[in-house]
Protein backbone atom coordinates (compact mmCIF):
# COMPACT_ATOMS: atom_id res chain seq x y z
CA MET A 1 -115.53 -34.60 -6.28
CA ASN A 2 -116.78 -32.16 -8.93
CA ASP A 3 -118.05 -28.83 -7.68
CA HIS A 4 -121.82 -29.01 -7.59
CA ILE A 5 -124.92 -28.19 -5.57
CA ALA A 6 -127.71 -30.49 -4.40
CA ARG A 7 -131.23 -29.65 -3.23
CA ALA A 8 -133.87 -31.31 -1.09
CA MET A 9 -137.31 -30.52 0.32
CA THR A 10 -139.18 -31.93 3.29
CA ALA A 11 -142.31 -33.93 2.50
CA LYS A 12 -144.61 -31.21 3.81
CA GLY A 13 -142.84 -28.62 1.65
CA LYS A 14 -142.05 -26.35 4.61
CA ILE A 15 -138.26 -26.70 4.70
CA ARG A 16 -135.83 -26.47 1.81
CA ALA A 17 -132.23 -27.51 2.05
CA VAL A 18 -129.27 -27.09 -0.29
CA ALA A 19 -125.63 -28.14 0.03
CA CYS A 20 -122.60 -27.55 -2.16
CA VAL A 21 -118.92 -28.23 -2.71
CA THR A 22 -116.83 -25.46 -4.31
CA THR A 23 -113.26 -26.69 -3.74
CA GLY A 24 -112.00 -26.58 -7.33
CA LEU A 25 -113.67 -23.26 -8.11
CA THR A 26 -112.30 -21.68 -4.96
CA ASN A 27 -108.76 -22.74 -5.80
CA ASP A 28 -109.07 -21.38 -9.34
CA ILE A 29 -110.44 -18.04 -8.15
CA CYS A 30 -107.87 -17.75 -5.37
CA PHE A 31 -105.15 -18.23 -7.99
CA LEU A 32 -106.68 -15.53 -10.21
CA GLN A 33 -106.94 -13.14 -7.27
CA GLY A 34 -103.49 -13.93 -5.85
CA ALA A 35 -105.10 -14.62 -2.49
CA SER A 36 -103.23 -15.09 0.76
CA PRO A 37 -104.17 -18.10 2.96
CA VAL A 38 -106.68 -16.22 5.12
CA VAL A 39 -108.21 -14.48 2.08
CA SER A 40 -108.49 -17.89 0.41
CA LEU A 41 -110.52 -19.12 3.38
CA ALA A 42 -112.77 -16.07 3.14
CA LEU A 43 -113.24 -16.59 -0.59
CA GLY A 44 -114.07 -20.26 -0.05
CA ARG A 45 -116.80 -19.43 2.43
CA ALA A 46 -118.20 -16.49 0.45
CA LEU A 47 -118.27 -18.42 -2.85
CA SER A 48 -120.09 -21.30 -1.17
CA GLY A 49 -122.54 -18.85 0.39
CA ALA A 50 -123.19 -17.24 -2.99
CA ALA A 51 -123.75 -20.66 -4.56
CA LEU A 52 -126.28 -21.59 -1.86
CA LEU A 53 -128.28 -18.38 -2.20
CA GLY A 54 -127.96 -18.50 -5.97
CA SER A 55 -129.59 -21.94 -6.03
CA ILE A 56 -132.91 -20.29 -5.16
CA LEU A 57 -132.84 -17.93 -8.17
CA LYS A 58 -135.04 -18.32 -11.22
CA GLN A 59 -133.87 -18.35 -14.83
CA GLY A 60 -131.92 -15.26 -15.83
CA GLN A 61 -131.52 -13.96 -12.27
CA ARG A 62 -128.28 -13.27 -10.39
CA LEU A 63 -127.10 -12.09 -6.99
CA ALA A 64 -124.05 -10.54 -5.37
CA LEU A 65 -122.79 -10.73 -1.79
CA LYS A 66 -120.60 -7.81 -0.72
CA PHE A 67 -118.75 -7.84 2.60
CA GLU A 68 -117.19 -4.51 3.54
CA GLY A 69 -115.42 -4.18 6.88
CA ASN A 70 -112.68 -2.33 8.71
CA GLY A 71 -110.23 -5.25 8.48
CA PRO A 72 -107.24 -5.54 6.12
CA LEU A 73 -109.24 -7.41 3.47
CA LYS A 74 -111.40 -4.26 2.97
CA LYS A 75 -114.00 -5.67 0.56
CA LEU A 76 -115.02 -9.08 -0.80
CA ILE A 77 -117.62 -9.65 -3.51
CA ALA A 78 -119.00 -13.06 -4.52
CA GLU A 79 -121.56 -13.38 -7.31
CA ALA A 80 -123.79 -16.22 -8.47
CA ASP A 81 -126.01 -16.70 -11.51
CA TRP A 82 -129.15 -18.83 -11.62
CA ASP A 83 -127.41 -21.59 -13.61
CA GLY A 84 -124.52 -22.19 -11.16
CA ALA A 85 -121.97 -19.72 -12.52
CA LEU A 86 -119.82 -18.18 -9.80
CA ARG A 87 -117.12 -15.50 -9.54
CA ALA A 88 -115.49 -13.45 -6.81
CA THR A 89 -113.04 -10.66 -6.19
CA VAL A 90 -111.36 -9.10 -3.17
CA ALA A 91 -109.97 -5.60 -2.67
CA VAL A 92 -106.76 -6.61 -0.85
CA PRO A 93 -105.94 -10.19 -1.91
CA ASP A 94 -102.65 -10.38 0.00
CA ALA A 95 -104.19 -9.33 3.33
CA VAL A 96 -102.80 -11.03 6.43
CA ALA A 97 -104.84 -11.77 9.57
CA ASP A 98 -105.23 -14.51 12.16
CA SER A 99 -108.83 -15.33 11.13
CA VAL A 100 -111.44 -14.64 8.47
CA ALA A 101 -113.43 -12.46 10.89
CA THR A 102 -110.34 -10.37 11.65
CA ALA A 103 -109.52 -10.09 7.94
CA ILE A 104 -112.99 -8.75 7.16
CA GLY A 105 -113.19 -6.64 10.31
CA ARG A 106 -115.76 -6.58 13.08
CA ALA A 107 -117.35 -3.30 11.96
CA GLY A 108 -118.91 -3.12 8.52
CA PHE A 109 -121.79 -4.19 6.32
CA LEU A 110 -123.11 -7.11 4.29
CA THR A 111 -125.04 -6.10 1.19
CA VAL A 112 -127.02 -8.62 -0.83
CA THR A 113 -128.05 -7.43 -4.29
CA LYS A 114 -130.44 -9.47 -6.45
CA ASP A 115 -131.08 -8.83 -10.12
CA LEU A 116 -134.52 -10.40 -10.48
CA ARG A 117 -135.00 -9.05 -14.02
CA LEU A 118 -137.34 -6.35 -12.77
CA LYS A 119 -136.89 -2.61 -13.38
CA GLU A 120 -134.26 -2.19 -10.67
CA PRO A 121 -132.15 -4.71 -8.73
CA TYR A 122 -133.21 -5.35 -5.14
CA SER A 123 -130.59 -4.57 -2.51
CA GLY A 124 -130.60 -5.23 1.24
CA THR A 125 -127.92 -4.25 3.76
CA VAL A 126 -127.27 -5.32 7.35
CA GLN A 127 -124.42 -4.63 9.73
CA LEU A 128 -121.88 -7.41 10.03
CA TYR A 129 -123.06 -9.74 12.79
CA THR A 130 -119.87 -11.70 13.59
CA SER A 131 -117.88 -11.35 10.31
CA GLU A 132 -117.78 -15.16 10.12
CA ILE A 133 -119.70 -15.05 6.79
CA ALA A 134 -122.02 -18.01 7.54
CA GLU A 135 -123.48 -16.32 10.61
CA ASP A 136 -123.72 -13.02 8.75
CA LEU A 137 -125.67 -14.65 5.92
CA ALA A 138 -128.01 -16.42 8.35
CA TYR A 139 -128.57 -13.12 10.15
CA TYR A 140 -129.30 -11.33 6.87
CA LEU A 141 -131.78 -13.98 5.68
CA THR A 142 -133.59 -14.08 9.02
CA ASP A 143 -133.56 -10.32 9.69
CA SER A 144 -133.86 -8.76 6.24
CA GLU A 145 -135.75 -11.40 4.24
CA GLN A 146 -137.74 -12.77 7.21
CA ILE A 147 -136.83 -16.39 6.40
CA PRO A 148 -135.43 -18.28 9.42
CA SER A 149 -132.24 -19.89 8.08
CA ALA A 150 -129.35 -22.04 9.20
CA VAL A 151 -126.14 -21.59 7.21
CA GLY A 152 -122.99 -23.68 7.50
CA LEU A 153 -119.84 -22.80 5.53
CA ALA A 154 -116.40 -24.35 5.70
CA ALA A 155 -113.04 -24.02 4.00
CA THR A 156 -109.71 -25.62 4.89
CA LEU A 157 -106.12 -25.10 3.80
CA THR A 158 -103.52 -27.61 2.70
CA GLU A 159 -99.91 -27.35 3.90
CA ASP A 160 -98.95 -25.38 0.78
CA GLY A 161 -101.68 -22.79 1.36
CA ARG A 162 -104.19 -24.06 -1.19
CA ILE A 163 -107.82 -24.81 -0.43
CA GLY A 164 -108.27 -28.38 0.79
CA VAL A 165 -112.07 -28.34 0.76
CA ALA A 166 -114.75 -25.67 0.52
CA GLY A 167 -118.51 -26.00 0.72
CA GLY A 168 -121.58 -25.47 2.81
CA PHE A 169 -125.29 -25.92 3.43
CA LEU A 170 -128.39 -23.77 3.75
CA ILE A 171 -131.62 -24.79 5.49
CA GLN A 172 -134.65 -22.51 5.37
CA SER A 173 -137.97 -22.72 7.19
CA LEU A 174 -140.79 -21.52 4.95
CA PRO A 175 -144.06 -20.13 6.33
CA PRO A 176 -146.05 -21.47 8.01
CA SER A 177 -143.29 -23.13 9.99
CA ASP A 178 -143.17 -26.90 10.59
CA GLU A 179 -141.94 -26.65 14.18
CA ALA A 180 -141.47 -30.39 14.68
CA ALA A 181 -139.23 -30.64 11.61
CA VAL A 182 -137.27 -27.54 12.63
CA GLU A 183 -136.60 -29.01 16.08
CA ALA A 184 -135.52 -32.34 14.58
CA ILE A 185 -133.05 -30.62 12.24
CA MET A 186 -131.72 -28.40 15.02
CA ALA A 187 -131.05 -31.51 17.11
CA VAL A 188 -129.05 -32.99 14.23
CA LEU A 189 -127.08 -29.76 13.81
CA GLU A 190 -126.13 -29.74 17.50
CA LYS A 191 -124.70 -33.28 17.32
CA MET A 192 -123.20 -33.12 13.83
CA PRO A 193 -119.39 -33.25 13.41
CA PRO A 194 -117.74 -30.03 12.19
CA LEU A 195 -118.63 -29.32 8.56
CA SER A 196 -114.95 -29.08 7.63
CA THR A 197 -114.43 -32.60 9.01
CA LEU A 198 -117.32 -33.99 6.96
CA LEU A 199 -116.18 -32.32 3.74
CA SER A 200 -112.55 -33.34 4.30
CA GLY A 201 -113.77 -36.92 4.71
CA GLY A 202 -115.37 -36.83 1.27
CA THR A 203 -119.00 -36.21 2.26
CA SER A 204 -120.87 -35.16 -0.87
CA PRO A 205 -123.60 -32.48 -0.97
CA GLU A 206 -126.21 -35.24 -1.39
CA GLU A 207 -124.84 -37.14 1.62
CA LEU A 208 -124.73 -33.94 3.66
CA LEU A 209 -128.42 -33.32 2.97
CA GLU A 210 -129.26 -36.89 3.95
CA LEU A 211 -127.44 -36.35 7.23
CA LEU A 212 -129.10 -33.01 7.94
CA LEU A 213 -132.60 -34.28 7.13
CA ALA A 214 -132.16 -37.77 8.55
CA ASP A 215 -135.00 -37.41 11.07
CA VAL A 216 -137.41 -35.62 8.73
CA GLU A 217 -139.31 -37.11 5.81
CA HIS A 218 -137.87 -35.54 2.67
CA TYR A 219 -137.11 -36.07 -0.98
CA PRO A 220 -134.15 -35.01 -3.14
CA LEU A 221 -134.47 -32.44 -5.90
CA GLU A 222 -132.18 -31.79 -8.85
CA SER A 223 -128.43 -31.24 -8.62
CA ASN A 224 -126.29 -29.14 -10.95
CA GLU A 225 -122.66 -28.30 -11.61
CA LEU A 226 -121.01 -25.13 -10.32
CA PHE A 227 -118.54 -23.35 -12.60
CA PHE A 228 -116.63 -20.11 -13.11
CA ARG A 229 -117.96 -17.53 -15.53
CA CYS A 230 -117.05 -13.86 -15.69
CA GLY A 231 -119.61 -11.39 -16.96
CA CYS A 232 -117.11 -8.95 -18.42
CA SER A 233 -117.06 -7.97 -22.10
CA ARG A 234 -115.57 -5.24 -24.24
CA GLU A 235 -119.00 -3.64 -24.56
CA LYS A 236 -119.41 -3.43 -20.77
CA VAL A 237 -115.89 -2.03 -20.39
CA GLU A 238 -116.62 0.66 -22.98
CA ARG A 239 -119.82 1.62 -21.16
CA ALA A 240 -117.87 1.90 -17.92
CA VAL A 241 -115.22 4.06 -19.57
CA MET A 242 -117.89 6.30 -21.10
CA SER A 243 -119.39 6.90 -17.66
CA VAL A 244 -116.36 8.98 -16.58
CA GLY A 245 -117.39 11.78 -18.96
CA LYS A 246 -115.97 13.47 -22.03
CA GLU A 247 -113.35 15.53 -20.19
CA GLU A 248 -111.78 12.49 -18.56
CA LEU A 249 -111.79 10.65 -21.88
CA ARG A 250 -109.95 13.55 -23.49
CA LYS A 251 -107.37 13.49 -20.69
CA MET A 252 -106.83 9.77 -21.33
CA ILE A 253 -106.12 10.55 -24.98
CA GLU A 254 -103.79 13.46 -24.21
CA GLN A 255 -101.87 11.85 -21.36
CA ASP A 256 -101.80 8.14 -22.26
CA GLY A 257 -102.95 7.88 -25.87
CA GLY A 258 -105.61 5.42 -24.78
CA ALA A 259 -106.82 3.50 -21.76
CA GLU A 260 -106.32 0.07 -20.22
CA VAL A 261 -109.05 -1.42 -18.06
CA GLY A 262 -108.78 -4.66 -16.11
CA CYS A 263 -111.65 -6.90 -15.00
CA GLU A 264 -111.55 -7.37 -11.24
CA PHE A 265 -113.02 -10.88 -11.47
CA CYS A 266 -111.11 -12.65 -14.29
CA LYS A 267 -108.19 -10.17 -14.47
CA LYS A 268 -108.48 -9.82 -18.26
CA GLN A 269 -107.02 -6.56 -19.57
CA TYR A 270 -108.86 -4.49 -22.17
CA ARG A 271 -106.87 -1.96 -24.22
CA ILE A 272 -108.86 0.95 -25.66
CA ASP A 273 -106.76 2.94 -28.13
CA ARG A 274 -106.96 6.59 -29.15
CA SER A 275 -109.38 6.07 -32.05
CA GLU A 276 -111.74 4.04 -29.87
CA LEU A 277 -111.74 6.72 -27.16
CA GLU A 278 -112.50 9.34 -29.81
CA ARG A 279 -115.43 7.20 -30.98
CA LEU A 280 -116.71 6.97 -27.39
CA ILE A 281 -116.51 10.75 -27.03
CA ALA A 282 -118.50 11.16 -30.23
CA GLU A 283 -121.15 8.73 -28.98
């Protein structure tokens, strides 16, 4: 099944639902990051969460989810663009723990940053609720954005430590609430098999939405592919290098004869030689 996201809306327009599969993307990004099994699970959930929240963005917009905790993983960032592009990075990719929540740590923060193409990006931060990622995102959406939300995320491992499946769903109740529809969906959620079981059985995002909204009149919206895209470029790297100041740039020339900067998302290495650093100092 190709990685993609599907959308649906209830007939009264009061509840929106999205579901996604990110298995291939997660495996590719875990390989780039050199992720351990538990970090791979965390990346699978976070990438799916970013895809779900990113599906609500308008053209040109993007968002970033940042989980920072006191666990061995330290920090995880997952980003989504409006068109389905995803990427992620983790501070300690080889972290070892007995669960995703333990890897992230019970104490810490979730920060959601949205670039809505306004003057400044919007950023909201909440304390980690359970460090299970799905519950943290639902807590953030309900508490910070005042949109009651149900979030389900799942990722599984194969015997060789790769991602077997990864995906999730997001259901949001828009004001004014359709209480009857909310109760019907909640009843389905209580009886539904584990999300990992459904995804492992081949349930598609479209089929997942049909299951979730089975007792509510609804209609499908558009679906689109999910794919990896890194936002790095030589121009952005040069701007980042310039931000350290002239003195640091001079030290780079004197001590190393240049600088080498790596992208944390795609791992591409950018070499900036002596003449280029001198040009940056002049600028």
